[in-house]
Amino acid sequence: MKAKTGVEVKLTPGGRGEFTVLADGRKLWDKSQTNRFPEHQEIMSQLE
């Protein structure tokens, strides 16, 4: 699925409350390290 930014995105169901954001194999966010979900701009700023 293409996001509004033109970036190809894919949702992969996990388990145990996992939430990880990857871009080109690089980890942008890992909820297990921060104990919270990212704000929109926290992810977008890493993609620019």
C-alpha atoms as a PDB file:
ATOM      1  CA  MET A   1       0.000   0.000   0.000  1.00  0.00           C
ATOM      2  CA  LYS A   2       1.314   3.488  -0.836  1.00  0.00           C
ATOM      3  CA  ALA A   3       1.110   6.171   1.818  1.00  0.00           C
ATOM      4  CA  LYS A   4       0.282   9.806   1.001  1.00  0.00           C
ATOM      5  CA  THR A   5       4.020  10.495   1.046  1.00  0.00           C
ATOM      6  CA  GLY A   6       4.574   8.040  -1.802  1.00  0.00           C
ATOM      7  CA  VAL A   7       6.332   5.617   0.538  1.00  0.00           C
ATOM      8  CA  GLU A   8       5.437   1.953   0.215  1.00  0.00           C
ATOM      9  CA  VAL A   9       4.121   0.680   3.576  1.00  0.00           C
ATOM     10  CA  LYS A  10       3.305  -2.790   4.839  1.00  0.00           C
ATOM     11  CA  LEU A  11       1.600  -3.781   8.080  1.00  0.00           C
ATOM     12  CA  THR A  12       2.790  -7.045   9.579  1.00  0.00           C
ATOM     13  CA  PRO A  13       0.816  -8.272  12.586  1.00  0.00           C
ATOM     14  CA  GLY A  14       3.002  -9.067  15.558  1.00  0.00           C
ATOM     15  CA  GLY A  15       2.240 -10.294  18.989  1.00  0.00           C
ATOM     16  CA  ARG A  16       2.805  -9.412  22.605  1.00  0.00           C
ATOM     17  CA  GLY A  17       2.164  -5.683  22.023  1.00  0.00           C
ATOM     18  CA  GLU A  18       5.024  -5.270  19.570  1.00  0.00           C
ATOM     19  CA  PHE A  19       5.223  -2.126  17.456  1.00  0.00           C
ATOM     20  CA  THR A  20       8.306  -1.608  15.303  1.00  0.00           C
ATOM     21  CA  VAL A  21       8.729   0.764  12.363  1.00  0.00           C
ATOM     22  CA  LEU A  22      11.306  -0.219   9.737  1.00  0.00           C
ATOM     23  CA  ALA A  23      12.419   1.633   6.608  1.00  0.00           C
ATOM     24  CA  ASP A  24      14.709  -0.105   4.136  1.00  0.00           C
ATOM     25  CA  GLY A  25      15.692  -2.545   6.879  1.00  0.00           C
ATOM     26  CA  ARG A  26      16.608   0.269   9.299  1.00  0.00           C
ATOM     27  CA  LYS A  27      14.732   0.407  12.604  1.00  0.00           C
ATOM     28  CA  LEU A  28      13.101   3.822  13.069  1.00  0.00           C
ATOM     29  CA  TRP A  29      11.031   3.013  16.139  1.00  0.00           C
ATOM     30  CA  ASP A  30      10.678   0.182  18.621  1.00  0.00           C
ATOM     31  CA  LYS A  31       7.923   0.465  21.212  1.00  0.00           C
ATOM     32  CA  SER A  32       9.698  -2.052  23.454  1.00  0.00           C
ATOM     33  CA  GLN A  33      12.532   0.471  23.908  1.00  0.00           C
ATOM     34  CA  THR A  34      10.361   3.560  24.459  1.00  0.00           C
ATOM     35  CA  ASN A  35       7.215   2.074  26.057  1.00  0.00           C
ATOM     36  CA  ARG A  36       5.052   4.313  23.865  1.00  0.00           C
ATOM     37  CA  PHE A  37       3.841   4.738  20.315  1.00  0.00           C
ATOM     38  CA  PRO A  38       5.609   7.329  18.140  1.00  0.00           C
ATOM     39  CA  GLU A  39       4.138  10.659  17.213  1.00  0.00           C
ATOM     40  CA  HIS A  40       3.587  11.097  13.477  1.00  0.00           C
ATOM     41  CA  GLN A  41       6.428  13.602  13.084  1.00  0.00           C
ATOM     42  CA  GLU A  42       8.914  11.356  14.937  1.00  0.00           C
ATOM     43  CA  ILE A  43       8.657   8.876  12.083  1.00  0.00           C
ATOM     44  CA  MET A  44       8.261  11.353   9.223  1.00  0.00           C
ATOM     45  CA  SER A  45      11.377  13.318  10.243  1.00  0.00           C
ATOM     46  CA  GLN A  46      13.458  10.174   9.900  1.00  0.00           C
ATOM     47  CA  LEU A  47      12.156   9.546   6.375  1.00  0.00           C
ATOM     48  CA  GLU A  48      13.082  12.993   5.022  1.00  0.00           C
END
